[in-house]
Amino acid sequence: MPMPDGGGFCHKCGTQLTAGASFCARCGAPVFSSATSTLGPQQTQVRRGEKAEKHEKNEKHEKHEKGEKSGWRGMLGAIVAGLILMWLGITFFLEQNGYLPHDIWWAYFISGVGIVLILEGLTFYSKGHYGLGPIIGGALLLFGGLSAITTDNYRIASQLWPLVIVVVGALVIVAGITFRGRVPAPSV
């Protein structure tokens, strides 16, 4: 819509417009009849700066929110990985020094991993996020490890171990699909 009879200033470069112009003579920007097009060059620059500042603040706020969400998850992931590696080292040490039976040291290891996963799931749940996958997977590992530790004839537990791995894998897939379905698509 061309500029009404008063002239005004270009919303893009601030040049004074001629009456009835459809485009700015200096930068070629289309001329709109709006409140901002009748502002002076300095007022146009201030408004443009205010909009840019507001946009920048919104971007910073969004980045801060994303950082908070991914920050504690990343930290929790590092803690979980570190605890599992530490527990692996401890169980190796105890087995090599005769404190754990050589043939079922792995049962102690997976029991500890199960406990770490359960704690991870409880942490997710306490923060209001989906946390059943790690809890269920951790419970399966804990159950598998404890059944091998407490059974005199641990051959049954060791024969079921491959099935436990399959079940945990299936639970991870189901949890991933379920969680992915709950996450809203990013807005553009």
C-alpha atoms as a PDB file:
ATOM      1  CA  MET A   1       0.000   0.000   0.000  1.00  0.00           C
ATOM      2  CA  PRO A   2       1.583   3.323  -1.033  1.00  0.00           C
ATOM      3  CA  MET A   3       2.350   6.016   1.479  1.00  0.00           C
ATOM      4  CA  PRO A   4      -0.582   8.346   2.141  1.00  0.00           C
ATOM      5  CA  ASP A   5      -0.297  12.033   1.463  1.00  0.00           C
ATOM      6  CA  GLY A   6       2.211  13.078   4.165  1.00  0.00           C
ATOM      7  CA  GLY A   7       5.527  11.599   3.096  1.00  0.00           C
ATOM      8  CA  GLY A   8       7.149  10.131   6.212  1.00  0.00           C
ATOM      9  CA  PHE A   9      10.359   8.151   6.510  1.00  0.00           C
ATOM     10  CA  CYS A  10      11.543   4.792   5.182  1.00  0.00           C
ATOM     11  CA  HIS A  11      11.244   1.998   7.766  1.00  0.00           C
ATOM     12  CA  LYS A  12      14.481   0.462   6.553  1.00  0.00           C
ATOM     13  CA  CYS A  13      16.972   3.276   5.990  1.00  0.00           C
ATOM     14  CA  GLY A  14      15.217   6.329   7.494  1.00  0.00           C
ATOM     15  CA  THR A  15      15.231   8.414   4.309  1.00  0.00           C
ATOM     16  CA  GLN A  16      12.401  10.955   3.987  1.00  0.00           C
ATOM     17  CA  LEU A  17       9.802   9.666   1.554  1.00  0.00           C
ATOM     18  CA  THR A  18       7.959  11.671  -1.088  1.00  0.00           C
ATOM     19  CA  ALA A  19       4.180  11.789  -0.928  1.00  0.00           C
ATOM     20  CA  GLY A  20       2.526   8.859  -2.723  1.00  0.00           C
ATOM     21  CA  ALA A  21       5.765   6.825  -3.050  1.00  0.00           C
ATOM     22  CA  SER A  22       5.416   3.045  -3.187  1.00  0.00           C
ATOM     23  CA  PHE A  23       9.136   2.383  -2.739  1.00  0.00           C
ATOM     24  CA  CYS A  24      11.997   4.197  -1.018  1.00  0.00           C
ATOM     25  CA  ALA A  25      14.068   6.178  -3.505  1.00  0.00           C
ATOM     26  CA  ARG A  26      17.289   5.412  -1.620  1.00  0.00           C
ATOM     27  CA  CYS A  27      17.119   1.680  -0.667  1.00  0.00           C
ATOM     28  CA  GLY A  28      14.122   0.417  -2.656  1.00  0.00           C
ATOM     29  CA  ALA A  29      12.234  -0.911   0.386  1.00  0.00           C
ATOM     30  CA  PRO A  30       8.448  -1.069  -0.061  1.00  0.00           C
ATOM     31  CA  VAL A  31       6.592   1.726   1.667  1.00  0.00           C
ATOM     32  CA  PHE A  32       3.815   0.777   4.063  1.00  0.00           C
ATOM     33  CA  SER A  33       1.352   3.080   5.706  1.00  0.00           C
ATOM     34  CA  SER A  34       1.975   2.233   9.330  1.00  0.00           C
ATOM     35  CA  ALA A  35       2.826   4.097  12.490  1.00  0.00           C
ATOM     36  CA  THR A  36       6.537   3.322  12.163  1.00  0.00           C
ATOM     37  CA  SER A  37       6.790   4.738   8.642  1.00  0.00           C
ATOM     38  CA  THR A  38       5.841   8.229   9.860  1.00  0.00           C
ATOM     39  CA  LEU A  39       8.573   8.267  12.493  1.00  0.00           C
ATOM     40  CA  GLY A  40      11.687  10.329  12.008  1.00  0.00           C
ATOM     41  CA  PRO A  41      15.020   8.699  11.094  1.00  0.00           C
ATOM     42  CA  GLN A  42      16.293   8.716  14.678  1.00  0.00           C
ATOM     43  CA  GLN A  43      13.023   7.285  16.023  1.00  0.00           C
ATOM     44  CA  THR A  44      13.121   4.566  13.355  1.00  0.00           C
ATOM     45  CA  GLN A  45      16.669   3.633  14.408  1.00  0.00           C
ATOM     46  CA  VAL A  46      15.621   3.471  18.097  1.00  0.00           C
ATOM     47  CA  ARG A  47      12.646   1.228  17.304  1.00  0.00           C
ATOM     48  CA  ARG A  48      14.821  -1.023  15.164  1.00  0.00           C
ATOM     49  CA  GLY A  49      17.353  -1.245  18.022  1.00  0.00           C
ATOM     50  CA  GLU A  50      14.618  -2.057  20.542  1.00  0.00           C
ATOM     51  CA  LYS A  51      13.332  -4.874  18.344  1.00  0.00           C
ATOM     52  CA  ALA A  52      16.828  -6.287  17.877  1.00  0.00           C
ATOM     53  CA  GLU A  53      17.494  -6.095  21.626  1.00  0.00           C
ATOM     54  CA  LYS A  54      14.203  -7.832  22.427  1.00  0.00           C
ATOM     55  CA  HIS A  55      14.951 -10.561  19.870  1.00  0.00           C
ATOM     56  CA  GLU A  56      18.440 -11.025  21.330  1.00  0.00           C
ATOM     57  CA  LYS A  57      17.035 -11.339  24.865  1.00  0.00           C
ATOM     58  CA  ASN A  58      14.534 -13.961  23.697  1.00  0.00           C
ATOM     59  CA  GLU A  59      17.317 -15.945  22.017  1.00  0.00           C
ATOM     60  CA  LYS A  60      19.454 -15.791  25.171  1.00  0.00           C
ATOM     61  CA  HIS A  61      16.507 -16.929  27.291  1.00  0.00           C
ATOM     62  CA  GLU A  62      15.811 -19.876  24.953  1.00  0.00           C
ATOM     63  CA  LYS A  63      19.493 -20.881  24.953  1.00  0.00           C
ATOM     64  CA  HIS A  64      19.578 -20.648  28.757  1.00  0.00           C
ATOM     65  CA  GLU A  65      16.495 -22.894  29.066  1.00  0.00           C
ATOM     66  CA  LYS A  66      17.978 -25.423  26.626  1.00  0.00           C
ATOM     67  CA  GLY A  67      21.287 -25.293  28.502  1.00  0.00           C
ATOM     68  CA  GLU A  68      19.563 -26.022  31.809  1.00  0.00           C
ATOM     69  CA  LYS A  69      17.686 -28.980  30.370  1.00  0.00           C
ATOM     70  CA  SER A  70      20.605 -30.505  28.503  1.00  0.00           C
ATOM     71  CA  GLY A  71      23.156 -29.437  31.130  1.00  0.00           C
ATOM     72  CA  TRP A  72      21.875 -31.571  33.992  1.00  0.00           C
ATOM     73  CA  ARG A  73      21.180 -34.479  31.632  1.00  0.00           C
ATOM     74  CA  GLY A  74      24.715 -34.302  30.283  1.00  0.00           C
ATOM     75  CA  MET A  75      26.105 -34.084  33.788  1.00  0.00           C
ATOM     76  CA  LEU A  76      23.974 -37.041  34.900  1.00  0.00           C
ATOM     77  CA  GLY A  77      25.146 -39.064  31.882  1.00  0.00           C
ATOM     78  CA  ALA A  78      28.770 -38.364  32.774  1.00  0.00           C
ATOM     79  CA  ILE A  79      28.168 -39.343  36.393  1.00  0.00           C
ATOM     80  CA  VAL A  80      26.449 -42.593  35.358  1.00  0.00           C
ATOM     81  CA  ALA A  81      29.238 -43.500  32.922  1.00  0.00           C
ATOM     82  CA  GLY A  82      31.879 -42.656  35.538  1.00  0.00           C
ATOM     83  CA  LEU A  83      30.175 -44.742  38.221  1.00  0.00           C
ATOM     84  CA  ILE A  84      29.883 -47.740  35.891  1.00  0.00           C
ATOM     85  CA  LEU A  85      33.574 -47.522  34.948  1.00  0.00           C
ATOM     86  CA  MET A  86      34.583 -47.141  38.592  1.00  0.00           C
ATOM     87  CA  TRP A  87      32.467 -50.162  39.559  1.00  0.00           C
ATOM     88  CA  LEU A  88      34.063 -52.191  36.743  1.00  0.00           C
ATOM     89  CA  GLY A  89      37.510 -51.333  38.095  1.00  0.00           C
ATOM     90  CA  ILE A  90      36.481 -52.178  41.659  1.00  0.00           C
ATOM     91  CA  THR A  91      35.008 -55.550  40.696  1.00  0.00           C
ATOM     92  CA  PHE A  92      38.113 -56.415  38.631  1.00  0.00           C
ATOM     93  CA  PHE A  93      40.322 -55.480  41.562  1.00  0.00           C
ATOM     94  CA  LEU A  94      38.260 -57.530  44.044  1.00  0.00           C
ATOM     95  CA  GLU A  95      38.185 -60.540  41.713  1.00  0.00           C
ATOM     96  CA  GLN A  96      41.932 -60.431  41.032  1.00  0.00           C
ATOM     97  CA  ASN A  97      42.693 -60.239  44.741  1.00  0.00           C
ATOM     98  CA  GLY A  98      40.426 -63.149  45.640  1.00  0.00           C
ATOM     99  CA  TYR A  99      37.580 -61.216  47.280  1.00  0.00           C
ATOM    100  CA  LEU A 100      35.060 -62.132  44.566  1.00  0.00           C
ATOM    101  CA  PRO A 101      34.636 -65.579  43.010  1.00  0.00           C
ATOM    102  CA  HIS A 102      36.425 -65.738  39.665  1.00  0.00           C
ATOM    103  CA  ASP A 103      33.570 -67.443  37.815  1.00  0.00           C
ATOM    104  CA  ILE A 104      30.786 -65.032  38.836  1.00  0.00           C
ATOM    105  CA  TRP A 105      32.506 -61.657  39.305  1.00  0.00           C
ATOM    106  CA  TRP A 106      30.379 -60.430  36.388  1.00  0.00           C
ATOM    107  CA  ALA A 107      27.241 -60.933  38.511  1.00  0.00           C
ATOM    108  CA  TYR A 108      28.552 -58.429  41.039  1.00  0.00           C
ATOM    109  CA  PHE A 109      29.384 -56.024  38.230  1.00  0.00           C
ATOM    110  CA  ILE A 110      25.942 -56.142  36.598  1.00  0.00           C
ATOM    111  CA  SER A 111      24.253 -55.834  39.991  1.00  0.00           C
ATOM    112  CA  GLY A 112      26.126 -52.590  40.564  1.00  0.00           C
ATOM    113  CA  VAL A 113      25.273 -51.359  37.056  1.00  0.00           C
ATOM    114  CA  GLY A 114      21.633 -52.156  37.793  1.00  0.00           C
ATOM    115  CA  ILE A 115      21.736 -50.032  40.935  1.00  0.00           C
ATOM    116  CA  VAL A 116      23.347 -47.124  39.055  1.00  0.00           C
ATOM    117  CA  LEU A 117      20.673 -47.314  36.322  1.00  0.00           C
ATOM    118  CA  ILE A 118      17.869 -47.410  38.878  1.00  0.00           C
ATOM    119  CA  LEU A 119      19.319 -44.299  40.547  1.00  0.00           C
ATOM    120  CA  GLU A 120      19.554 -42.586  37.148  1.00  0.00           C
ATOM    121  CA  GLY A 121      15.906 -43.381  36.408  1.00  0.00           C
ATOM    122  CA  LEU A 122      14.823 -42.119  39.825  1.00  0.00           C
ATOM    123  CA  THR A 123      16.736 -38.886  39.205  1.00  0.00           C
ATOM    124  CA  PHE A 124      14.944 -38.392  35.867  1.00  0.00           C
ATOM    125  CA  TYR A 125      11.625 -39.162  37.526  1.00  0.00           C
ATOM    126  CA  SER A 126      12.279 -36.721  40.386  1.00  0.00           C
ATOM    127  CA  LYS A 127      12.901 -33.952  37.830  1.00  0.00           C
ATOM    128  CA  GLY A 128       9.550 -34.672  36.141  1.00  0.00           C
ATOM    129  CA  HIS A 129      10.947 -36.556  33.139  1.00  0.00           C
ATOM    130  CA  TYR A 130      10.366 -40.008  31.730  1.00  0.00           C
ATOM    131  CA  GLY A 131      12.561 -42.368  33.748  1.00  0.00           C
ATOM    132  CA  LEU A 132      11.039 -45.836  33.601  1.00  0.00           C
ATOM    133  CA  GLY A 133      13.491 -47.198  31.001  1.00  0.00           C
ATOM    134  CA  PRO A 134      16.570 -46.985  33.219  1.00  0.00           C
ATOM    135  CA  ILE A 135      14.573 -48.167  36.245  1.00  0.00           C
ATOM    136  CA  ILE A 136      13.252 -51.269  34.470  1.00  0.00           C
ATOM    137  CA  GLY A 137      16.585 -52.013  32.796  1.00  0.00           C
ATOM    138  CA  GLY A 138      18.435 -51.512  36.066  1.00  0.00           C
ATOM    139  CA  ALA A 139      15.996 -53.764  37.921  1.00  0.00           C
ATOM    140  CA  LEU A 140      16.535 -56.516  35.343  1.00  0.00           C
ATOM    141  CA  LEU A 141      20.312 -56.238  35.654  1.00  0.00           C
ATOM    142  CA  LEU A 142      20.115 -56.197  39.431  1.00  0.00           C
ATOM    143  CA  PHE A 143      17.821 -59.218  39.446  1.00  0.00           C
ATOM    144  CA  GLY A 144      20.055 -61.117  37.017  1.00  0.00           C
ATOM    145  CA  GLY A 145      23.190 -60.362  39.005  1.00  0.00           C
ATOM    146  CA  LEU A 146      21.686 -61.157  42.394  1.00  0.00           C
ATOM    147  CA  SER A 147      20.178 -64.407  41.140  1.00  0.00           C
ATOM    148  CA  ALA A 148      23.628 -65.542  40.007  1.00  0.00           C
ATOM    149  CA  ILE A 149      25.240 -64.449  43.288  1.00  0.00           C
ATOM    150  CA  THR A 150      22.700 -66.071  45.599  1.00  0.00           C
ATOM    151  CA  THR A 151      22.125 -69.307  43.687  1.00  0.00           C
ATOM    152  CA  ASP A 152      24.316 -72.295  44.524  1.00  0.00           C
ATOM    153  CA  ASN A 153      23.871 -73.595  41.042  1.00  0.00           C
ATOM    154  CA  TYR A 154      24.418 -70.408  39.032  1.00  0.00           C
ATOM    155  CA  ARG A 155      24.287 -72.187  35.680  1.00  0.00           C
ATOM    156  CA  ILE A 156      20.590 -71.304  35.399  1.00  0.00           C
ATOM    157  CA  ALA A 157      21.316 -67.597  35.796  1.00  0.00           C
ATOM    158  CA  SER A 158      24.224 -67.723  33.366  1.00  0.00           C
ATOM    159  CA  GLN A 159      22.037 -69.495  30.821  1.00  0.00           C
ATOM    160  CA  LEU A 160      19.356 -66.810  31.197  1.00  0.00           C
ATOM    161  CA  TRP A 161      21.873 -63.983  30.901  1.00  0.00           C
ATOM    162  CA  PRO A 162      21.593 -63.680  27.081  1.00  0.00           C
ATOM    163  CA  LEU A 163      17.820 -63.358  27.453  1.00  0.00           C
ATOM    164  CA  VAL A 164      18.266 -60.595  30.023  1.00  0.00           C
ATOM    165  CA  ILE A 165      20.429 -58.706  27.504  1.00  0.00           C
ATOM    166  CA  VAL A 166      17.742 -59.129  24.816  1.00  0.00           C
ATOM    167  CA  VAL A 167      15.001 -57.913  27.191  1.00  0.00           C
ATOM    168  CA  VAL A 168      17.049 -54.883  28.277  1.00  0.00           C
ATOM    169  CA  GLY A 169      17.756 -54.043  24.619  1.00  0.00           C
ATOM    170  CA  ALA A 170      14.062 -54.285  23.773  1.00  0.00           C
ATOM    171  CA  LEU A 171      13.194 -52.056  26.731  1.00  0.00           C
ATOM    172  CA  VAL A 172      15.727 -49.464  25.613  1.00  0.00           C
ATOM    173  CA  ILE A 173      14.148 -49.410  22.136  1.00  0.00           C
ATOM    174  CA  VAL A 174      10.613 -49.139  23.530  1.00  0.00           C
ATOM    175  CA  ALA A 175      11.660 -46.389  25.944  1.00  0.00           C
ATOM    176  CA  GLY A 176      13.401 -44.495  23.137  1.00  0.00           C
ATOM    177  CA  ILE A 177      10.376 -44.697  20.857  1.00  0.00           C
ATOM    178  CA  THR A 178       7.981 -43.757  23.647  1.00  0.00           C
ATOM    179  CA  PHE A 179      10.162 -40.855  24.790  1.00  0.00           C
ATOM    180  CA  ARG A 180      10.649 -39.591  21.218  1.00  0.00           C
ATOM    181  CA  GLY A 181       6.884 -39.559  20.740  1.00  0.00           C
ATOM    182  CA  ARG A 182       6.443 -37.336  23.825  1.00  0.00           C
ATOM    183  CA  VAL A 183       8.950 -34.694  22.719  1.00  0.00           C
ATOM    184  CA  PRO A 184       7.268 -31.845  20.795  1.00  0.00           C
ATOM    185  CA  ALA A 185       8.642 -31.027  17.365  1.00  0.00           C
ATOM    186  CA  PRO A 186      10.914 -27.981  17.369  1.00  0.00           C
ATOM    187  CA  SER A 187       9.298 -24.799  16.091  1.00  0.00           C
ATOM    188  CA  VAL A 188      10.925 -22.992  13.199  1.00  0.00           C
END
